[in-house]
Amino acid sequence: MNPFDRVLAGSFAVFMACGLVRAFRSGIIGHEDGPLDLNEHPLAFSMLVAVNLCCVAMLAWLAAGQEVTTLWRLAAPTVGLKP
């Protein structure tokens, strides 16, 4: 990846991580249909947090200069998939 793409991926990862910190502190995470409250929709809140954490990890991996294929080769066996 070129440096501009790495900076873009890193800044987006930081932006998403800040949103996750806000979600953990307030118990409310943003969603396209409206905010999800931890007390009203705990499963949906947890799933959305998990997906956001995976996205942050992938973007941080890309910002570090690695490739998606390397991440897939490392992560696929942990969930039972063949790389």
Protein backbone atom coordinates (compact mmCIF):
# COMPACT_ATOMS: atom_id res chain seq x y z
CA MET A 1 0.00 0.00 0.00
CA ASN A 2 1.17 3.49 -0.66
CA PRO A 3 1.63 5.90 2.27
CA PHE A 4 -1.52 7.87 1.54
CA ASP A 5 -3.67 4.73 1.74
CA ARG A 6 -1.96 3.69 4.96
CA VAL A 7 -2.65 7.09 6.54
CA LEU A 8 -6.26 6.91 5.39
CA ALA A 9 -6.72 3.41 6.83
CA GLY A 10 -5.07 4.43 10.09
CA SER A 11 -7.18 7.55 10.52
CA PHE A 12 -10.36 5.61 9.81
CA ALA A 13 -9.31 2.97 12.36
CA VAL A 14 -8.77 5.69 14.97
CA PHE A 15 -12.15 7.23 14.12
CA MET A 16 -13.91 3.88 14.55
CA ALA A 17 -12.01 3.16 17.77
CA CYS A 18 -13.12 6.50 19.21
CA GLY A 19 -16.69 5.60 18.33
CA LEU A 20 -16.28 2.28 20.12
CA VAL A 21 -14.91 4.00 23.23
CA ARG A 22 -17.91 6.31 23.21
CA ALA A 23 -20.21 3.29 22.79
CA PHE A 24 -18.61 1.46 25.71
CA ARG A 25 -18.84 4.51 27.96
CA SER A 26 -22.42 5.47 27.12
CA GLY A 27 -23.95 2.09 26.26
CA ILE A 28 -25.29 3.46 22.97
CA ILE A 29 -23.86 2.74 19.54
CA GLY A 30 -24.90 4.38 16.29
CA HIS A 31 -26.74 2.38 13.63
CA GLU A 32 -28.33 3.28 10.31
CA ASP A 33 -31.83 2.65 11.76
CA GLY A 34 -31.09 4.69 14.86
CA PRO A 35 -29.03 4.29 18.00
CA LEU A 36 -28.85 0.87 19.69
CA ASP A 37 -29.01 0.90 23.47
CA LEU A 38 -27.18 -1.79 25.40
CA ASN A 39 -30.07 -2.22 27.85
CA GLU A 40 -32.78 -2.51 25.18
CA HIS A 41 -30.93 -4.55 22.52
CA PRO A 42 -27.96 -6.30 24.17
CA LEU A 43 -27.40 -8.89 21.42
CA ALA A 44 -27.56 -6.38 18.56
CA PHE A 45 -25.29 -4.01 20.49
CA SER A 46 -22.76 -6.78 21.12
CA MET A 47 -22.78 -7.97 17.51
CA LEU A 48 -22.30 -4.45 16.17
CA VAL A 49 -19.41 -3.87 18.59
CA ALA A 50 -17.80 -7.15 17.50
CA VAL A 51 -18.08 -6.23 13.82
CA ASN A 52 -16.63 -2.78 14.51
CA LEU A 53 -13.74 -4.32 16.45
CA CYS A 54 -12.96 -6.61 13.51
CA CYS A 55 -13.02 -3.62 11.16
CA VAL A 56 -10.71 -1.64 13.44
CA ALA A 57 -8.30 -4.57 13.60
CA MET A 58 -8.27 -4.97 9.82
CA LEU A 59 -7.77 -1.25 9.21
CA ALA A 60 -4.96 -1.12 11.78
CA TRP A 61 -3.36 -4.12 10.05
CA LEU A 62 -3.53 -2.32 6.70
CA ALA A 63 -2.21 0.91 8.22
CA ALA A 64 0.80 -1.02 9.53
CA GLY A 65 1.71 -1.85 5.93
CA GLN A 66 0.52 -5.44 5.82
CA GLU A 67 -1.80 -6.99 3.24
CA VAL A 68 -5.28 -8.45 3.59
CA THR A 69 -4.13 -11.83 2.29
CA THR A 70 -1.60 -12.13 5.13
CA LEU A 71 -4.30 -11.29 7.66
CA TRP A 72 -6.60 -13.90 6.11
CA ARG A 73 -3.87 -16.58 6.33
CA LEU A 74 -3.42 -15.78 10.02
CA ALA A 75 -7.11 -15.44 10.98
CA ALA A 76 -8.74 -18.18 8.89
CA PRO A 77 -7.48 -21.17 10.92
CA THR A 78 -8.67 -19.62 14.19
CA VAL A 79 -12.31 -19.72 12.99
CA GLY A 80 -12.01 -23.11 11.33
CA LEU A 81 -11.61 -22.01 7.71
CA LYS A 82 -8.94 -23.04 5.24
CA PRO A 83 -6.80 -20.17 3.92
